[in-house]
Structures are given as structure tokens and as C-alpha cells.
Amino acid sequence: MGRAFEFRKERKMKRWAAMSKTFARLNKDIILSIKEGGGIADPDLNARLRAVIQNCRAANMPKDNIERAIKKATDKDAADLKQVTFEGYGPHGIAVFVETATDNNNRTVANVRSYFNKCNGNLGTTGSVEFMFTHVCHFKVPSEGIDAEELELELIDFGAEDIGVDEDAIMIYGPFESYGTLQKKLEDDGREILESGFDRIPTDTKELDQEATAEVEKLIEKLEEDDDVQNVFHTMSSSTEDEG
């Protein structure tokens, strides 16, 4: 009975840790969207902020947390948050692209470099692996009553390149540059956007054995645990990763 309790407790703590990390990432997304939107904190006037708030709701982020993040972003004494990316190679030649949001670049550079070094990887220079990924945007909309093929035809002229059905939702993908155009089209058509964002899709992947996969996952885990890291993308084949 005691072991079962400890197991449930540990699992609950992991869920809370994951939720805390998600909220921290979204908190920075709110601040950056306001900064990039010229300091406009009204979601009706700032399309990117509006999209981030939709993501917050999808992640069940409390309304109070959202309002605090918006207030923090408009505070004249708020830390100057910047988006910084890092590129390098993990063990076994796996390319790794890291997106961060930081108010202390020296700290972030030192931390990211240490993770690569400790995990038998190498931090590279700007552009060393970026070409191995395609930068795309995505939107998630409800699928009820919608014909995916018809929707794709409607959105092609606005940048949509791929559409797929995911359980009760439709996923729409397009080039990074098409984000604003697709968002406006979906909103003008009165479609509910459940979630949206950006991804870096590897143009080619590498499959590793179980032992090698664990080595790469160790690096990815260290990076994702860092408070400054927003996203980590890599070229390891997903078929070998632990889905649990």
C-alpha cells in the first residue's frame, strides 16, 4: 500500500512539474507577444497575443495567471526578455535546435553549452543545423461538421500546405511566414482556433538503437528542464522514442 501511495505521489509531482513548465513557457510567450506587438496588451488589437491566450486556455492555465503575465509585460520595470536560439549536435550526430526566451543571455549560453558538453554533444554556430529543419506554423480547429478536404481547398491560397485530422480536431500546417494570414482567414471565417504555434520539422531523421536513444534523450531532458528553454527540436526518429 505504501509503495502504491509513493508511486501515485511521484506521478502527481511529475504532472505538476510538467504543468508548471508549460505555464512558465506560456507566461514568456505572453510577454514576448506583447513586446513584438509594440507593447499592445489588448488581445483584440494584438493578434499574436490573442493566439497565445488561446493556447493558455487550451493548457488550462488559470485566468489570474494570464492577467498577471499581461500586467508584467506592460510593467516599465519588467525584465527585458529576448528570444535566442542555439544549434548543435547531440550524441551520435543528432542535430538539435533550441529556442529560448531569456533576460540573461550569458547565463543561458553557459547553461546550454554545459548541457551539450556533459552529454557528449557540441554546441555549434548559428546556421549550423537550422537548414535541417523546416520552420512551420500550425493551427488546431474543431473537426465537428467540417470537411477537411474542403477546408484545405479554402486555405491553400492563404498558405496552408497540409491538413490532417487529429481525434476531434483538424490540424492545419503552413510555412512560418503564413501564420498571420492563416490566423486572419480562420478568424474572419468565424472558426474557433483551439491552439496555434510554430514547429521546426526535421527534413531527415536518424534512427538509433535503444542505448543511443537514451543518450540523446538525456541531453533533450536537460535542455527542456532549463527555465530559459522554450522548445527543443531534433533529428532523432520519433519511432525510437519512448512515448510514455
Protein backbone atom coordinates (compact mmCIF):
# COMPACT_ATOMS: atom_id res chain seq x y z
CA MET A 1 0.00 0.00 0.00
CA GLY A 2 2.84 2.37 0.91
CA ARG A 3 4.65 1.73 -2.38
CA ALA A 4 1.45 2.37 -4.34
CA PHE A 5 0.95 5.66 -2.50
CA GLU A 6 4.52 6.74 -3.21
CA PHE A 7 4.10 5.83 -6.89
CA ARG A 8 0.91 7.91 -7.17
CA LYS A 9 2.58 10.77 -5.32
CA GLU A 10 5.60 10.69 -7.64
CA ARG A 11 3.39 10.59 -10.72
CA LYS A 12 1.35 13.53 -9.44
CA MET A 13 4.51 15.53 -8.77
CA LYS A 14 5.72 14.86 -12.32
CA ARG A 15 2.38 16.09 -13.69
CA TRP A 16 2.62 19.25 -11.60
CA ALA A 17 6.22 19.80 -12.74
CA ALA A 18 5.17 19.43 -16.38
CA MET A 19 2.24 21.81 -15.88
CA SER A 20 4.48 24.32 -14.14
CA LYS A 21 6.93 24.23 -17.06
CA THR A 22 4.09 24.66 -19.56
CA PHE A 23 2.70 27.66 -17.67
CA ALA A 24 6.18 29.23 -17.43
CA ARG A 25 6.66 28.83 -21.20
CA LEU A 26 3.24 30.34 -21.93
CA ASN A 27 3.94 33.16 -19.49
CA LYS A 28 7.01 34.10 -21.56
CA ASP A 29 5.01 33.72 -24.78
CA ILE A 30 2.56 36.33 -23.47
CA ILE A 31 5.37 38.76 -22.61
CA LEU A 32 7.07 38.28 -25.99
CA SER A 33 3.82 38.63 -27.94
CA ILE A 34 3.17 41.99 -26.28
CA LYS A 35 6.75 43.13 -26.83
CA GLU A 36 6.66 42.09 -30.50
CA GLY A 37 3.24 43.71 -30.85
CA GLY A 38 4.60 47.15 -29.98
CA GLY A 39 3.55 46.98 -26.33
CA ILE A 40 -0.14 46.44 -27.15
CA ALA A 41 -1.69 44.37 -24.35
CA ASP A 42 -5.21 44.25 -25.76
CA PRO A 43 -5.81 40.84 -27.44
CA ASP A 44 -8.43 42.42 -29.72
CA LEU A 45 -5.70 44.63 -31.18
CA ASN A 46 -2.77 42.20 -30.90
CA ALA A 47 -3.33 39.07 -32.99
CA ARG A 48 -0.28 37.22 -31.64
CA LEU A 49 -1.32 37.85 -28.03
CA ARG A 50 -4.82 36.65 -28.89
CA ALA A 51 -3.35 33.40 -30.21
CA VAL A 52 -1.16 32.89 -27.14
CA ILE A 53 -4.16 33.38 -24.84
CA GLN A 54 -5.98 30.67 -26.81
CA ASN A 55 -3.01 28.37 -26.14
CA CYS A 56 -3.15 29.26 -22.45
CA ARG A 57 -6.80 28.26 -22.29
CA ALA A 58 -6.06 25.00 -24.13
CA ALA A 59 -3.45 24.23 -21.44
CA ASN A 60 -5.97 25.10 -18.68
CA MET A 61 -3.83 27.98 -17.48
CA PRO A 62 -5.79 29.95 -14.83
CA LYS A 63 -7.17 33.32 -15.87
CA ASP A 64 -5.34 35.01 -12.99
CA ASN A 65 -2.01 33.70 -14.33
CA ILE A 66 -2.77 35.10 -17.77
CA GLU A 67 -3.70 38.51 -16.37
CA ARG A 68 -0.55 38.62 -14.21
CA ALA A 69 1.63 37.84 -17.23
CA ILE A 70 -0.02 40.63 -19.26
CA LYS A 71 0.47 43.07 -16.40
CA LYS A 72 4.10 42.02 -16.02
CA ALA A 73 4.72 42.56 -19.73
CA THR A 74 3.47 46.15 -19.53
CA ASP A 75 5.40 46.99 -16.34
CA LYS A 76 8.13 49.53 -17.16
CA ASP A 77 10.46 47.75 -14.71
CA ALA A 78 9.92 44.32 -16.28
CA ALA A 79 12.98 42.33 -17.31
CA ASP A 80 13.95 42.66 -20.97
CA LEU A 81 13.10 39.24 -22.38
CA LYS A 82 14.75 38.20 -25.65
CA GLN A 83 14.37 35.22 -27.96
CA VAL A 84 17.68 33.46 -28.54
CA THR A 85 18.27 30.23 -30.46
CA PHE A 86 21.07 27.68 -30.15
CA GLU A 87 22.19 24.99 -32.56
CA GLY A 88 24.42 21.98 -32.15
CA TYR A 89 24.86 18.24 -32.30
CA GLY A 90 23.95 15.77 -29.62
CA PRO A 91 25.42 12.26 -29.28
CA HIS A 92 25.53 10.09 -32.43
CA GLY A 93 25.29 13.05 -34.79
CA ILE A 94 21.73 14.07 -33.87
CA ALA A 95 21.10 17.72 -34.80
CA VAL A 96 19.49 19.79 -32.02
CA PHE A 97 17.83 23.21 -32.33
CA VAL A 98 16.96 25.05 -29.11
CA GLU A 99 14.64 28.05 -28.73
CA THR A 100 14.98 30.11 -25.56
CA ALA A 101 13.47 33.22 -24.02
CA THR A 102 15.92 34.86 -21.62
CA ASP A 103 16.64 38.04 -19.68
CA ASN A 104 20.28 37.00 -19.18
CA ASN A 105 21.96 35.75 -22.34
CA ASN A 106 25.29 34.98 -20.63
CA ARG A 107 23.57 32.64 -18.18
CA THR A 108 21.61 30.90 -20.93
CA VAL A 109 24.65 30.44 -23.19
CA ALA A 110 26.67 28.96 -20.31
CA ASN A 111 23.88 26.59 -19.31
CA VAL A 112 23.11 25.35 -22.83
CA ARG A 113 26.80 24.83 -23.60
CA SER A 114 27.24 22.83 -20.38
CA TYR A 115 24.34 20.50 -21.27
CA PHE A 116 25.85 19.74 -24.68
CA ASN A 117 29.30 19.17 -23.18
CA LYS A 118 28.09 16.92 -20.36
CA CYS A 119 26.07 14.79 -22.77
CA ASN A 120 28.84 14.24 -25.35
CA GLY A 121 27.46 16.84 -27.72
CA ASN A 122 28.78 20.05 -29.25
CA LEU A 123 27.21 23.49 -29.31
CA GLY A 124 27.55 24.84 -32.84
CA THR A 125 27.39 28.21 -34.52
CA THR A 126 24.32 29.99 -35.88
CA GLY A 127 23.12 28.24 -39.02
CA SER A 128 24.98 25.00 -38.35
CA VAL A 129 21.82 22.88 -38.15
CA GLU A 130 18.90 25.26 -38.85
CA PHE A 131 18.88 24.22 -42.52
CA MET A 132 17.99 20.69 -41.41
CA PHE A 133 14.57 21.85 -40.19
CA THR A 134 11.57 23.38 -41.93
CA HIS A 135 10.04 26.23 -39.90
CA VAL A 136 6.25 25.85 -39.98
CA CYS A 137 3.17 27.21 -38.25
CA HIS A 138 0.19 25.17 -37.14
CA PHE A 139 -3.42 25.72 -36.13
CA LYS A 140 -5.81 23.37 -34.37
CA VAL A 141 -9.55 23.80 -35.03
CA PRO A 142 -12.58 21.64 -34.07
CA SER A 143 -13.37 18.98 -36.68
CA GLU A 144 -17.11 18.64 -35.96
CA GLY A 145 -19.14 19.48 -39.06
CA ILE A 146 -16.05 20.34 -41.12
CA ASP A 147 -14.87 18.56 -44.26
CA ALA A 148 -11.07 18.51 -44.05
CA GLU A 149 -10.58 18.41 -47.82
CA GLU A 150 -12.91 21.36 -48.40
CA LEU A 151 -11.17 23.31 -45.63
CA GLU A 152 -7.80 22.62 -47.22
CA LEU A 153 -9.03 23.97 -50.58
CA GLU A 154 -10.30 27.11 -48.83
CA LEU A 155 -6.98 27.71 -47.08
CA ILE A 156 -4.47 26.88 -49.84
CA ASP A 157 -4.42 30.46 -51.11
CA PHE A 158 -3.71 31.65 -47.56
CA GLY A 159 -0.65 29.47 -47.05
CA ALA A 160 -1.97 26.09 -45.87
CA GLU A 161 0.19 23.24 -47.14
CA ASP A 162 -1.01 20.24 -45.16
CA ILE A 163 -4.14 19.32 -43.18
CA GLY A 164 -4.76 16.28 -41.04
CA VAL A 165 -7.48 15.04 -38.70
CA ASP A 166 -6.33 14.51 -35.10
CA GLU A 167 -9.06 12.90 -32.94
CA ASP A 168 -11.74 15.61 -32.58
CA ALA A 169 -9.69 18.33 -34.23
CA ILE A 170 -8.17 19.32 -37.56
CA MET A 171 -4.50 20.31 -37.70
CA ILE A 172 -3.52 22.88 -40.32
CA TYR A 173 0.13 23.40 -41.29
CA GLY A 174 1.80 26.07 -43.38
CA PRO A 175 5.09 27.95 -43.75
CA PHE A 176 6.24 30.05 -40.80
CA GLU A 177 5.57 33.23 -42.80
CA SER A 178 1.90 32.29 -43.35
CA TYR A 179 0.95 32.43 -39.67
CA GLY A 180 -0.68 35.86 -39.72
CA THR A 181 -2.50 35.26 -43.00
CA LEU A 182 -3.91 31.91 -41.88
CA GLN A 183 -4.90 33.24 -38.48
CA LYS A 184 -6.80 36.15 -40.05
CA LYS A 185 -8.57 33.88 -42.55
CA LEU A 186 -9.68 31.43 -39.84
CA GLU A 187 -10.87 34.27 -37.60
CA ASP A 188 -12.66 36.06 -40.47
CA ASP A 189 -14.48 32.81 -41.24
CA GLY A 190 -15.58 32.56 -37.61
CA ARG A 191 -13.66 29.33 -36.97
CA GLU A 192 -12.65 28.59 -33.41
CA ILE A 193 -8.87 28.26 -33.04
CA LEU A 194 -8.18 25.83 -30.22
CA GLU A 195 -4.43 26.18 -30.38
CA SER A 196 -1.69 27.53 -32.64
CA GLY A 197 2.06 27.86 -32.73
CA PHE A 198 5.28 27.07 -34.53
CA ASP A 199 7.32 23.93 -35.11
CA ARG A 200 10.63 23.01 -36.71
CA ILE A 201 10.17 19.80 -38.67
CA PRO A 202 13.36 17.84 -39.48
CA THR A 203 13.86 17.31 -43.21
CA ASP A 204 15.56 13.99 -42.44
CA THR A 205 15.70 11.85 -39.30
CA LYS A 206 18.12 9.31 -37.91
CA GLU A 207 17.06 6.12 -36.15
CA LEU A 208 19.14 4.95 -33.19
CA ASP A 209 19.20 1.83 -31.04
CA GLN A 210 17.78 1.91 -27.53
CA GLU A 211 21.06 2.72 -25.78
CA ALA A 212 21.97 5.54 -28.17
CA THR A 213 18.43 6.92 -27.97
CA ALA A 214 18.71 7.12 -24.18
CA GLU A 215 21.91 9.17 -24.52
CA VAL A 216 20.23 11.71 -26.80
CA GLU A 217 17.15 11.84 -24.60
CA LYS A 218 19.36 12.70 -21.64
CA LEU A 219 20.52 15.85 -23.45
CA ILE A 220 16.98 16.74 -24.54
CA GLU A 221 15.71 16.30 -20.97
CA LYS A 222 18.43 18.54 -19.51
CA LEU A 223 17.65 21.24 -22.07
CA GLU A 224 13.88 21.07 -21.53
CA GLU A 225 14.30 21.33 -17.75
CA ASP A 226 16.09 24.67 -18.08
CA ASP A 227 13.83 27.60 -17.20
CA ASP A 228 15.07 29.65 -20.18
CA VAL A 229 14.32 26.95 -22.77
CA GLN A 230 11.02 27.22 -24.64
CA ASN A 231 11.33 24.44 -27.25
CA VAL A 232 13.78 21.74 -28.30
CA PHE A 233 13.76 20.21 -31.79
CA HIS A 234 15.94 17.35 -33.01
CA THR A 235 16.51 14.93 -35.89
CA MET A 236 16.20 11.67 -33.95
CA SER A 237 13.50 9.41 -35.36
CA SER A 238 10.35 9.58 -33.22
CA SER A 239 9.75 5.87 -33.79
CA THR A 240 12.54 5.08 -31.36
CA GLU A 241 11.47 7.46 -28.64
CA ASP A 242 9.64 6.48 -25.51
CA GLU A 243 6.04 7.63 -25.96
CA GLY A 244 5.29 7.26 -22.25
